Amino acid sequence: RLGGGILSEYFVRSKTIPRTIWMACTQFIMIIVYLLFA
């Protein structure tokens, strides 16, 4: 929660990268995580 706010704030200001791209990145990681659980 804290890191998501910091990271998205930095890149949205420096590169105008939409915050939702980090939701895409983390959900891709969650695919790997769920496969580890399985």
Full PDB file with SEQRES, HELIX, SHEET, SSBOND, CRYST1, ORIGX, SCALE, CONECT and MASTER records, all heavy atoms in Angstrom:
SEQRES   1 A   38  ARG LEU GLY GLY GLY ILE LEU SER GLU TYR PHE VAL ARG          
SEQRES   2 A   38  SER LYS THR ILE PRO ARG THR ILE TRP MET ALA CYS THR          
SEQRES   3 A   38  GLN PHE ILE MET ILE ILE VAL TYR LEU LEU PHE ALA              
HELIX    1 AA1 LEU A    2  SER A   14  1                                  13    
HELIX    2 AA2 THR A   20  PHE A   37  1                                  18    
CRYST1    1.000    1.000    1.000  90.00  90.00  90.00 P 1           1          
ORIGX1      1.000000  0.000000  0.000000        0.00000                         
ORIGX2      0.000000  1.000000  0.000000        0.00000                         
ORIGX3      0.000000  0.000000  1.000000        0.00000                         
SCALE1      1.000000  0.000000  0.000000        0.00000                         
SCALE2      0.000000  1.000000  0.000000        0.00000                         
SCALE3      0.000000  0.000000  1.000000        0.00000                         
ATOM      1  N   ARG A   1       0.831  -1.212   0.000  1.00  0.00           N  
ATOM      2  CA  ARG A   1       0.000   0.000   0.000  1.00  0.00           C  
ATOM      3  C   ARG A   1       0.861   1.255   0.000  1.00  0.00           C  
ATOM      4  O   ARG A   1       0.604   2.202  -0.752  1.00  0.00           O  
ATOM      5  CB  ARG A   1      -0.925  -0.008   1.209  1.00  0.00           C  
ATOM      6  CG  ARG A   1      -1.960  -1.121   1.186  1.00  0.00           C  
ATOM      7  CD  ARG A   1      -2.921  -1.015   2.352  1.00  0.00           C  
ATOM      8  NE  ARG A   1      -3.884  -2.116   2.363  1.00  0.00           N  
ATOM      9  CZ  ARG A   1      -5.054  -2.068   2.957  1.00  0.00           C  
ATOM     10  NH1 ARG A   1      -5.441  -0.973   3.582  1.00  0.00           N  
ATOM     11  NH2 ARG A   1      -5.866  -3.104   2.934  1.00  0.00           N  
ATOM     12  N   LEU A   2       1.858   1.270   0.859  1.00  0.00           N  
ATOM     13  CA  LEU A   2       2.733   2.443   0.931  1.00  0.00           C  
ATOM     14  C   LEU A   2       3.605   2.554  -0.314  1.00  0.00           C  
ATOM     15  O   LEU A   2       3.719   3.624  -0.920  1.00  0.00           O  
ATOM     16  CB  LEU A   2       3.605   2.357   2.180  1.00  0.00           C  
ATOM     17  CG  LEU A   2       4.540   3.540   2.441  1.00  0.00           C  
ATOM     18  CD1 LEU A   2       3.740   4.798   2.731  1.00  0.00           C  
ATOM     19  CD2 LEU A   2       5.482   3.242   3.601  1.00  0.00           C  
ATOM     20  N   GLY A   3       4.220   1.441  -0.716  1.00  0.00           N  
ATOM     21  CA  GLY A   3       5.107   1.463  -1.878  1.00  0.00           C  
ATOM     22  C   GLY A   3       4.371   1.750  -3.165  1.00  0.00           C  
ATOM     23  O   GLY A   3       4.905   2.424  -4.058  1.00  0.00           O  
ATOM     24  N   GLY A   4       3.135   1.240  -3.291  1.00  0.00           N  
ATOM     25  CA  GLY A   4       2.371   1.518  -4.494  1.00  0.00           C  
ATOM     26  C   GLY A   4       2.099   3.003  -4.662  1.00  0.00           C  
ATOM     27  O   GLY A   4       2.160   3.529  -5.781  1.00  0.00           O  
ATOM     28  N   GLY A   5       1.820   3.674  -3.555  1.00  0.00           N  
ATOM     29  CA  GLY A   5       1.607   5.112  -3.623  1.00  0.00           C  
ATOM     30  C   GLY A   5       2.863   5.867  -4.008  1.00  0.00           C  
ATOM     31  O   GLY A   5       2.835   6.768  -4.846  1.00  0.00           O  
ATOM     32  N   ILE A   6       3.989   5.478  -3.415  1.00  0.00           N  
ATOM     33  CA  ILE A   6       5.261   6.157  -3.703  1.00  0.00           C  
ATOM     34  C   ILE A   6       5.689   5.922  -5.143  1.00  0.00           C  
ATOM     35  O   ILE A   6       6.058   6.853  -5.871  1.00  0.00           O  
ATOM     36  CB  ILE A   6       6.357   5.667  -2.733  1.00  0.00           C  
ATOM     37  CG1 ILE A   6       5.999   6.023  -1.284  1.00  0.00           C  
ATOM     38  CG2 ILE A   6       7.708   6.249  -3.112  1.00  0.00           C  
ATOM     39  CD1 ILE A   6       6.942   5.429  -0.263  1.00  0.00           C  
ATOM     40  N   LEU A   7       5.654   4.655  -5.570  1.00  0.00           N  
ATOM     41  CA  LEU A   7       6.132   4.294  -6.907  1.00  0.00           C  
ATOM     42  C   LEU A   7       5.273   4.930  -7.989  1.00  0.00           C  
ATOM     43  O   LEU A   7       5.798   5.514  -8.956  1.00  0.00           O  
ATOM     44  CB  LEU A   7       6.118   2.769  -7.052  1.00  0.00           C  
ATOM     45  CG  LEU A   7       6.916   2.180  -8.214  1.00  0.00           C  
ATOM     46  CD1 LEU A   7       8.404   2.430  -8.019  1.00  0.00           C  
ATOM     47  CD2 LEU A   7       6.654   0.678  -8.342  1.00  0.00           C  
ATOM     48  N   SER A   8       3.958   4.835  -7.849  1.00  0.00           N  
ATOM     49  CA  SER A   8       3.079   5.400  -8.877  1.00  0.00           C  
ATOM     50  C   SER A   8       3.191   6.917  -8.926  1.00  0.00           C  
ATOM     51  O   SER A   8       3.126   7.512 -10.005  1.00  0.00           O  
ATOM     52  CB  SER A   8       1.632   4.984  -8.611  1.00  0.00           C  
ATOM     53  OG  SER A   8       1.134   5.561  -7.416  1.00  0.00           O  
ATOM     54  N   GLU A   9       3.397   7.540  -7.764  1.00  0.00           N  
ATOM     55  CA  GLU A   9       3.534   9.005  -7.733  1.00  0.00           C  
ATOM     56  C   GLU A   9       4.813   9.449  -8.435  1.00  0.00           C  
ATOM     57  O   GLU A   9       4.823  10.450  -9.165  1.00  0.00           O  
ATOM     58  CB  GLU A   9       3.536   9.492  -6.282  1.00  0.00           C  
ATOM     59  CG  GLU A   9       3.408  10.995  -6.129  1.00  0.00           C  
ATOM     60  CD  GLU A   9       2.002  11.509  -6.381  1.00  0.00           C  
ATOM     61  OE1 GLU A   9       1.065  10.681  -6.463  1.00  0.00           O  
ATOM     62  OE2 GLU A   9       1.842  12.731  -6.514  1.00  0.00           O  
ATOM     63  N   TYR A  10       5.887   8.695  -8.249  1.00  0.00           N  
ATOM     64  CA  TYR A  10       7.174   9.063  -8.871  1.00  0.00           C  
ATOM     65  C   TYR A  10       7.083   8.958 -10.393  1.00  0.00           C  
ATOM     66  O   TYR A  10       7.464   9.891 -11.117  1.00  0.00           O  
ATOM     67  CB  TYR A  10       8.283   8.157  -8.339  1.00  0.00           C  
ATOM     68  CG  TYR A  10       9.602   8.345  -9.059  1.00  0.00           C  
ATOM     69  CD1 TYR A  10      10.420   9.442  -8.784  1.00  0.00           C  
ATOM     70  CD2 TYR A  10      10.004   7.440 -10.039  1.00  0.00           C  
ATOM     71  CE1 TYR A  10      11.618   9.627  -9.466  1.00  0.00           C  
ATOM     72  CE2 TYR A  10      11.191   7.613 -10.721  1.00  0.00           C  
ATOM     73  CZ  TYR A  10      11.999   8.709 -10.437  1.00  0.00           C  
ATOM     74  OH  TYR A  10      13.184   8.881 -11.110  1.00  0.00           O  
ATOM     75  N   PHE A  11       6.581   7.837 -10.903  1.00  0.00           N  
ATOM     76  CA  PHE A  11       6.575   7.628 -12.347  1.00  0.00           C  
ATOM     77  C   PHE A  11       5.500   8.438 -13.052  1.00  0.00           C  
ATOM     78  O   PHE A  11       5.642   8.761 -14.223  1.00  0.00           O  
ATOM     79  CB  PHE A  11       6.417   6.136 -12.654  1.00  0.00           C  
ATOM     80  CG  PHE A  11       7.692   5.354 -12.522  1.00  0.00           C  
ATOM     81  CD1 PHE A  11       7.977   4.665 -11.362  1.00  0.00           C  
ATOM     82  CD2 PHE A  11       8.618   5.346 -13.547  1.00  0.00           C  
ATOM     83  CE1 PHE A  11       9.161   3.957 -11.227  1.00  0.00           C  
ATOM     84  CE2 PHE A  11       9.806   4.645 -13.424  1.00  0.00           C  
ATOM     85  CZ  PHE A  11      10.083   3.944 -12.263  1.00  0.00           C  
ATOM     86  N   VAL A  12       4.422   8.765 -12.353  1.00  0.00           N  
ATOM     87  CA  VAL A  12       3.407   9.576 -13.007  1.00  0.00           C  
ATOM     88  C   VAL A  12       3.901  11.008 -13.168  1.00  0.00           C  
ATOM     89  O   VAL A  12       3.520  11.711 -14.119  1.00  0.00           O  
ATOM     90  CB  VAL A  12       2.085   9.531 -12.207  1.00  0.00           C  
ATOM     91  CG1 VAL A  12       2.113  10.459 -11.012  1.00  0.00           C  
ATOM     92  CG2 VAL A  12       0.901   9.907 -13.098  1.00  0.00           C  
ATOM     93  N   ARG A  13       4.773  11.447 -12.277  1.00  0.00           N  
ATOM     94  CA  ARG A  13       5.307  12.806 -12.373  1.00  0.00           C  
ATOM     95  C   ARG A  13       6.494  12.879 -13.329  1.00  0.00           C  
ATOM     96  O   ARG A  13       6.648  13.852 -14.063  1.00  0.00           O  
ATOM     97  CB  ARG A  13       5.730  13.312 -10.991  1.00  0.00           C  
ATOM     98  CG  ARG A  13       4.555  13.622 -10.074  1.00  0.00           C  
ATOM     99  CD  ARG A  13       5.030  14.038  -8.690  1.00  0.00           C  
ATOM    100  NE  ARG A  13       3.904  14.399  -7.841  1.00  0.00           N  
ATOM    101  CZ  ARG A  13       3.373  15.614  -7.767  1.00  0.00           C  
ATOM    102  NH1 ARG A  13       3.874  16.586  -8.514  1.00  0.00           N  
ATOM    103  NH2 ARG A  13       2.352  15.870  -6.985  1.00  0.00           N  
ATOM    104  N   SER A  14       7.348  11.865 -13.303  1.00  0.00           N  
ATOM    105  CA  SER A  14       8.574  11.916 -14.115  1.00  0.00           C  
ATOM    106  C   SER A  14       8.353  11.424 -15.541  1.00  0.00           C  
ATOM    107  O   SER A  14       8.978  11.927 -16.476  1.00  0.00           O  
ATOM    108  CB  SER A  14       9.668  11.084 -13.455  1.00  0.00           C  
ATOM    109  OG  SER A  14       9.277   9.725 -13.342  1.00  0.00           O  
ATOM    110  N   LYS A  15       7.444  10.433 -15.725  1.00  0.00           N  
ATOM    111  CA  LYS A  15       7.257   9.836 -17.051  1.00  0.00           C  
ATOM    112  C   LYS A  15       5.810   9.889 -17.538  1.00  0.00           C  
ATOM    113  O   LYS A  15       5.518   9.394 -18.632  1.00  0.00           O  
ATOM    114  CB  LYS A  15       7.700   8.366 -17.027  1.00  0.00           C  
ATOM    115  CG  LYS A  15       9.122   8.134 -16.527  1.00  0.00           C  
ATOM    116  CD  LYS A  15      10.170   8.682 -17.483  1.00  0.00           C  
ATOM    117  CE  LYS A  15      11.566   8.335 -16.989  1.00  0.00           C  
ATOM    118  NZ  LYS A  15      12.615   8.874 -17.915  1.00  0.00           N  
ATOM    119  N   THR A  16       4.916  10.486 -16.754  1.00  0.00           N  
ATOM    120  CA  THR A  16       3.465  10.496 -17.023  1.00  0.00           C  
ATOM    121  C   THR A  16       2.934   9.091 -17.319  1.00  0.00           C  
ATOM    122  O   THR A  16       2.069   8.897 -18.171  1.00  0.00           O  
ATOM    123  CB  THR A  16       3.098  11.458 -18.178  1.00  0.00           C  
ATOM    124  OG1 THR A  16       3.685  10.988 -19.397  1.00  0.00           O  
ATOM    125  CG2 THR A  16       3.547  12.875 -17.887  1.00  0.00           C  
ATOM    126  N   ILE A  17       3.473   8.100 -16.619  1.00  0.00           N  
ATOM    127  CA  ILE A  17       3.014   6.724 -16.766  1.00  0.00           C  
ATOM    128  C   ILE A  17       1.767   6.536 -15.900  1.00  0.00           C  
ATOM    129  O   ILE A  17       1.801   6.803 -14.702  1.00  0.00           O  
ATOM    130  CB  ILE A  17       4.107   5.727 -16.339  1.00  0.00           C  
ATOM    131  CG1 ILE A  17       5.312   5.840 -17.272  1.00  0.00           C  
ATOM    132  CG2 ILE A  17       3.575   4.295 -16.328  1.00  0.00           C  
ATOM    133  CD1 ILE A  17       6.464   4.936 -16.890  1.00  0.00           C  
ATOM    134  N   PRO A  18       0.662   6.101 -16.471  1.00  0.00           N  
ATOM    135  CA  PRO A  18      -0.567   5.916 -15.677  1.00  0.00           C  
ATOM    136  C   PRO A  18      -0.342   4.979 -14.498  1.00  0.00           C  
ATOM    137  O   PRO A  18       0.392   3.987 -14.596  1.00  0.00           O  
ATOM    138  CB  PRO A  18      -1.545   5.307 -16.691  1.00  0.00           C  
ATOM    139  CG  PRO A  18      -1.042   5.747 -18.023  1.00  0.00           C  
ATOM    140  CD  PRO A  18       0.452   5.790 -17.897  1.00  0.00           C  
ATOM    141  N   ARG A  19      -0.988   5.275 -13.405  1.00  0.00           N  
ATOM    142  CA  ARG A  19      -0.808   4.461 -12.199  1.00  0.00           C  
ATOM    143  C   ARG A  19      -1.253   3.016 -12.413  1.00  0.00           C  
ATOM    144  O   ARG A  19      -0.712   2.097 -11.814  1.00  0.00           O  
ATOM    145  CB  ARG A  19      -1.614   5.068 -11.050  1.00  0.00           C  
ATOM    146  CG  ARG A  19      -1.226   6.482 -10.678  1.00  0.00           C  
ATOM    147  CD  ARG A  19      -2.023   6.975  -9.491  1.00  0.00           C  
ATOM    148  NE  ARG A  19      -1.909   8.415  -9.328  1.00  0.00           N  
ATOM    149  CZ  ARG A  19      -0.937   9.023  -8.647  1.00  0.00           C  
ATOM    150  NH1 ARG A  19      -0.009   8.304  -8.065  1.00  0.00           N  
ATOM    151  NH2 ARG A  19      -0.905  10.339  -8.541  1.00  0.00           N  
ATOM    152  N   THR A  20      -2.252   2.823 -13.276  1.00  0.00           N  
ATOM    153  CA  THR A  20      -2.811   1.485 -13.453  1.00  0.00           C  
ATOM    154  C   THR A  20      -1.826   0.498 -14.062  1.00  0.00           C  
ATOM    155  O   THR A  20      -2.067  -0.709 -14.017  1.00  0.00           O  
ATOM    156  CB  THR A  20      -4.062   1.552 -14.336  1.00  0.00           C  
ATOM    157  OG1 THR A  20      -3.772   2.332 -15.513  1.00  0.00           O  
ATOM    158  CG2 THR A  20      -5.215   2.208 -13.592  1.00  0.00           C  
ATOM    159  N   ILE A  21      -0.727   0.973 -14.608  1.00  0.00           N  
ATOM    160  CA  ILE A  21       0.272   0.044 -15.144  1.00  0.00           C  
ATOM    161  C   ILE A  21       0.863  -0.808 -14.030  1.00  0.00           C  
ATOM    162  O   ILE A  21       1.294  -1.947 -14.246  1.00  0.00           O  
ATOM    163  CB  ILE A  21       1.387   0.820 -15.902  1.00  0.00           C  
ATOM    164  CG1 ILE A  21       2.158  -0.125 -16.830  1.00  0.00           C  
ATOM    165  CG2 ILE A  21       2.336   1.497 -14.929  1.00  0.00           C  
ATOM    166  CD1 ILE A  21       1.334  -0.666 -17.980  1.00  0.00           C  
ATOM    167  N   TRP A  22       0.848  -0.268 -12.795  1.00  0.00           N  
ATOM    168  CA  TRP A  22       1.389  -1.030 -11.660  1.00  0.00           C  
ATOM    169  C   TRP A  22       0.388  -2.079 -11.194  1.00  0.00           C  
ATOM    170  O   TRP A  22       0.787  -3.101 -10.628  1.00  0.00           O  
ATOM    171  CB  TRP A  22       1.759  -0.078 -10.523  1.00  0.00           C  
ATOM    172  CG  TRP A  22       2.757   0.941 -10.980  1.00  0.00           C  
ATOM    173  CD1 TRP A  22       2.534   2.262 -11.186  1.00  0.00           C  
ATOM    174  CD2 TRP A  22       4.114   0.697 -11.361  1.00  0.00           C  
ATOM    175  NE1 TRP A  22       3.666   2.874 -11.658  1.00  0.00           N  
ATOM    176  CE2 TRP A  22       4.656   1.935 -11.776  1.00  0.00           C  
ATOM    177  CE3 TRP A  22       4.915  -0.440 -11.386  1.00  0.00           C  
ATOM    178  CZ2 TRP A  22       5.973   2.053 -12.213  1.00  0.00           C  
ATOM    179  CZ3 TRP A  22       6.221  -0.318 -11.827  1.00  0.00           C  
ATOM    180  CH2 TRP A  22       6.742   0.913 -12.235  1.00  0.00           C  
ATOM    181  N   MET A  23      -0.887  -1.861 -11.461  1.00  0.00           N  
ATOM    182  CA  MET A  23      -1.855  -2.920 -11.220  1.00  0.00           C  
ATOM    183  C   MET A  23      -1.634  -4.071 -12.195  1.00  0.00           C  
ATOM    184  O   MET A  23      -1.764  -5.248 -11.840  1.00  0.00           O  
ATOM    185  CB  MET A  23      -3.285  -2.371 -11.344  1.00  0.00           C  
ATOM    186  CG  MET A  23      -3.615  -1.265 -10.351  1.00  0.00           C  
ATOM    187  SD  MET A  23      -5.290  -0.596 -10.511  1.00  0.00           S  
ATOM    188  CE  MET A  23      -6.221  -1.811  -9.571  1.00  0.00           C  
ATOM    189  N   ALA A  24      -1.259  -3.724 -13.434  1.00  0.00           N  
ATOM    190  CA  ALA A  24      -0.952  -4.760 -14.423  1.00  0.00           C  
ATOM    191  C   ALA A  24       0.282  -5.559 -14.007  1.00  0.00           C  
ATOM    192  O   ALA A  24       0.292  -6.791 -14.085  1.00  0.00           O  
ATOM    193  CB  ALA A  24      -0.740  -4.121 -15.797  1.00  0.00           C  
ATOM    194  N   CYS A  25       1.322  -4.858 -13.564  1.00  0.00           N  
ATOM    195  CA  CYS A  25       2.569  -5.533 -13.160  1.00  0.00           C  
ATOM    196  C   CYS A  25       2.325  -6.463 -11.973  1.00  0.00           C  
ATOM    197  O   CYS A  25       2.798  -7.612 -11.959  1.00  0.00           O  
ATOM    198  CB  CYS A  25       3.636  -4.501 -12.819  1.00  0.00           C  
ATOM    199  SG  CYS A  25       4.206  -3.532 -14.229  1.00  0.00           S  
ATOM    200  N   THR A  26       1.614  -5.961 -10.959  1.00  0.00           N  
ATOM    201  CA  THR A  26       1.408  -6.773  -9.759  1.00  0.00           C  
ATOM    202  C   THR A  26       0.482  -7.951 -10.040  1.00  0.00           C  
ATOM    203  O   THR A  26       0.669  -9.036  -9.473  1.00  0.00           O  
ATOM    204  CB  THR A  26       0.840  -5.916  -8.613  1.00  0.00           C  
ATOM    205  OG1 THR A  26      -0.307  -5.191  -9.080  1.00  0.00           O  
ATOM    206  CG2 THR A  26       1.875  -4.934  -8.111  1.00  0.00           C  
ATOM    207  N   GLN A  27      -0.498  -7.770 -10.914  1.00  0.00           N  
ATOM    208  CA  GLN A  27      -1.369  -8.896 -11.226  1.00  0.00           C  
ATOM    209  C   GLN A  27      -0.641  -9.949 -12.055  1.00  0.00           C  
ATOM    210  O   GLN A  27      -0.939 -11.147 -11.963  1.00  0.00           O  
ATOM    211  CB  GLN A  27      -2.640  -8.417 -11.929  1.00  0.00           C  
ATOM    212  CG  GLN A  27      -3.566  -7.647 -11.002  1.00  0.00           C  
ATOM    213  CD  GLN A  27      -4.952  -7.427 -11.573  1.00  0.00           C  
ATOM    214  OE1 GLN A  27      -5.390  -8.142 -12.463  1.00  0.00           O  
ATOM    215  NE2 GLN A  27      -5.650  -6.418 -11.051  1.00  0.00           N  
ATOM    216  N   PHE A  28       0.334  -9.532 -12.835  1.00  0.00           N  
ATOM    217  CA  PHE A  28       1.177 -10.514 -13.531  1.00  0.00           C  
ATOM    218  C   PHE A  28       2.002 -11.310 -12.519  1.00  0.00           C  
ATOM    219  O   PHE A  28       2.149 -12.528 -12.639  1.00  0.00           O  
ATOM    220  CB  PHE A  28       2.094  -9.813 -14.529  1.00  0.00           C  
ATOM    221  CG  PHE A  28       3.009 -10.754 -15.255  1.00  0.00           C  
ATOM    222  CD1 PHE A  28       2.543 -11.525 -16.314  1.00  0.00           C  
ATOM    223  CD2 PHE A  28       4.344 -10.887 -14.878  1.00  0.00           C  
ATOM    224  CE1 PHE A  28       3.385 -12.405 -16.988  1.00  0.00           C  
ATOM    225  CE2 PHE A  28       5.189 -11.769 -15.537  1.00  0.00           C  
ATOM    226  CZ  PHE A  28       4.708 -12.525 -16.599  1.00  0.00           C  
ATOM    227  N   ILE A  29       2.530 -10.617 -11.503  1.00  0.00           N  
ATOM    228  CA  ILE A  29       3.266 -11.311 -10.445  1.00  0.00           C  
ATOM    229  C   ILE A  29       2.343 -12.252  -9.675  1.00  0.00           C  
ATOM    230  O   ILE A  29       2.742 -13.349  -9.267  1.00  0.00           O  
ATOM    231  CB  ILE A  29       3.921 -10.289  -9.492  1.00  0.00           C  
ATOM    232  CG1 ILE A  29       4.964  -9.457 -10.244  1.00  0.00           C  
ATOM    233  CG2 ILE A  29       4.563 -10.984  -8.286  1.00  0.00           C  
ATOM    234  CD1 ILE A  29       5.553  -8.325  -9.423  1.00  0.00           C  
ATOM    235  N   MET A  30       1.086 -11.829  -9.497  1.00  0.00           N  
ATOM    236  CA  MET A  30       0.121 -12.670  -8.783  1.00  0.00           C  
ATOM    237  C   MET A  30      -0.150 -13.984  -9.521  1.00  0.00           C  
ATOM    238  O   MET A  30      -0.458 -15.002  -8.898  1.00  0.00           O  
ATOM    239  CB  MET A  30      -1.185 -11.898  -8.560  1.00  0.00           C  
ATOM    240  CG  MET A  30      -1.051 -10.767  -7.542  1.00  0.00           C  
ATOM    241  SD  MET A  30      -2.478  -9.644  -7.493  1.00  0.00           S  
ATOM    242  CE  MET A  30      -3.653 -10.632  -6.573  1.00  0.00           C  
ATOM    243  N   ILE A  31      -0.021 -13.978 -10.843  1.00  0.00           N  
ATOM    244  CA  ILE A  31      -0.152 -15.234 -11.597  1.00  0.00           C  
ATOM    245  C   ILE A  31       0.905 -16.224 -11.131  1.00  0.00           C  
ATOM    246  O   ILE A  31       0.614 -17.398 -10.846  1.00  0.00           O  
ATOM    247  CB  ILE A  31      -0.006 -14.968 -13.114  1.00  0.00           C  
ATOM    248  CG1 ILE A  31      -1.108 -14.035 -13.615  1.00  0.00           C  
ATOM    249  CG2 ILE A  31      -0.022 -16.280 -13.884  1.00  0.00           C  
ATOM    250  CD1 ILE A  31      -0.933 -13.626 -15.071  1.00  0.00           C  
ATOM    251  N   ILE A  32       2.143 -15.743 -11.032  1.00  0.00           N  
ATOM    252  CA  ILE A  32       3.244 -16.598 -10.571  1.00  0.00           C  
ATOM    253  C   ILE A  32       3.016 -17.039  -9.135  1.00  0.00           C  
ATOM    254  O   ILE A  32       3.269 -18.198  -8.772  1.00  0.00           O  
ATOM    255  CB  ILE A  32       4.584 -15.844 -10.720  1.00  0.00           C  
ATOM    256  CG1 ILE A  32       4.801 -15.425 -12.175  1.00  0.00           C  
ATOM    257  CG2 ILE A  32       5.745 -16.696 -10.204  1.00  0.00           C  
ATOM    258  CD1 ILE A  32       6.014 -14.544 -12.386  1.00  0.00           C  
ATOM    259  N   VAL A  33       2.528 -16.121  -8.316  1.00  0.00           N  
ATOM    260  CA  VAL A  33       2.290 -16.436  -6.900  1.00  0.00           C  
ATOM    261  C   VAL A  33       1.246 -17.547  -6.758  1.00  0.00           C  
ATOM    262  O   VAL A  33       1.432 -18.499  -5.992  1.00  0.00           O  
ATOM    263  CB  VAL A  33       1.829 -15.172  -6.145  1.00  0.00           C  
ATOM    264  CG1 VAL A  33       1.325 -15.533  -4.756  1.00  0.00           C  
ATOM    265  CG2 VAL A  33       2.984 -14.177  -6.033  1.00  0.00           C  
ATOM    266  N   TYR A  34       0.157 -17.439  -7.497  1.00  0.00           N  
ATOM    267  CA  TYR A  34      -0.891 -18.462  -7.402  1.00  0.00           C  
ATOM    268  C   TYR A  34      -0.407 -19.817  -7.919  1.00  0.00           C  
ATOM    269  O   TYR A  34      -0.823 -20.869  -7.410  1.00  0.00           O  
ATOM    270  CB  TYR A  34      -2.141 -18.016  -8.156  1.00  0.00           C  
ATOM    271  CG  TYR A  34      -2.839 -16.845  -7.505  1.00  0.00           C  
ATOM    272  CD1 TYR A  34      -3.340 -15.787  -8.259  1.00  0.00           C  
ATOM    273  CD2 TYR A  34      -2.987 -16.778  -6.123  1.00  0.00           C  
ATOM    274  CE1 TYR A  34      -3.984 -14.711  -7.665  1.00  0.00           C  
ATOM    275  CE2 TYR A  34      -3.619 -15.701  -5.515  1.00  0.00           C  
ATOM    276  CZ  TYR A  34      -4.107 -14.670  -6.289  1.00  0.00           C  
ATOM    277  OH  TYR A  34      -4.727 -13.611  -5.689  1.00  0.00           O  
ATOM    278  N   LEU A  35       0.467 -19.790  -8.921  1.00  0.00           N  
ATOM    279  CA  LEU A  35       1.056 -21.048  -9.391  1.00  0.00           C  
ATOM    280  C   LEU A  35       1.967 -21.653  -8.329  1.00  0.00           C  
ATOM    281  O   LEU A  35       2.038 -22.881  -8.184  1.00  0.00           O  
ATOM    282  CB  LEU A  35       1.815 -20.816 -10.701  1.00  0.00           C  
ATOM    283  CG  LEU A  35       0.953 -20.428 -11.909  1.00  0.00           C  
ATOM    284  CD1 LEU A  35       1.827 -20.178 -13.135  1.00  0.00           C  
ATOM    285  CD2 LEU A  35      -0.077 -21.513 -12.212  1.00  0.00           C  
ATOM    286  N   LEU A  36       2.656 -20.794  -7.569  1.00  0.00           N  
ATOM    287  CA  LEU A  36       3.466 -21.296  -6.453  1.00  0.00           C  
ATOM    288  C   LEU A  36       2.593 -21.920  -5.380  1.00  0.00           C  
ATOM    289  O   LEU A  36       2.910 -22.991  -4.842  1.00  0.00           O  
ATOM    290  CB  LEU A  36       4.302 -20.158  -5.858  1.00  0.00           C  
ATOM    291  CG  LEU A  36       5.547 -19.715  -6.625  1.00  0.00           C  
ATOM    292  CD1 LEU A  36       6.187 -18.519  -5.940  1.00  0.00           C  
ATOM    293  CD2 LEU A  36       6.552 -20.860  -6.726  1.00  0.00           C  
ATOM    294  N   PHE A  37       1.490 -21.247  -5.051  1.00  0.00           N  
ATOM    295  CA  PHE A  37       0.551 -21.815  -4.079  1.00  0.00           C  
ATOM    296  C   PHE A  37       0.025 -23.168  -4.561  1.00  0.00           C  
ATOM    297  O   PHE A  37      -0.084 -24.116  -3.789  1.00  0.00           O  
ATOM    298  CB  PHE A  37      -0.626 -20.864  -3.858  1.00  0.00           C  
ATOM    299  CG  PHE A  37      -0.374 -19.791  -2.834  1.00  0.00           C  
ATOM    300  CD1 PHE A  37      -0.409 -18.449  -3.182  1.00  0.00           C  
ATOM    301  CD2 PHE A  37      -0.120 -20.118  -1.506  1.00  0.00           C  
ATOM    302  CE1 PHE A  37      -0.191 -17.455  -2.242  1.00  0.00           C  
ATOM    303  CE2 PHE A  37       0.101 -19.135  -0.553  1.00  0.00           C  
ATOM    304  CZ  PHE A  37       0.069 -17.801  -0.918  1.00  0.00           C  
ATOM    305  N   ALA A  38      -0.321 -23.235  -5.847  1.00  0.00           N  
ATOM    306  CA  ALA A  38      -0.891 -24.469  -6.392  1.00  0.00           C  
ATOM    307  C   ALA A  38       0.121 -25.610  -6.385  1.00  0.00           C  
ATOM    308  O   ALA A  38      -0.236 -26.768  -6.155  1.00  0.00           O  
ATOM    309  CB  ALA A  38      -1.399 -24.224  -7.810  1.00  0.00           C  
TER     310      ALA A  38                                                      
MASTER        0    0    0    2    0    0    0    6  309    1    0    3          
END                                                                             
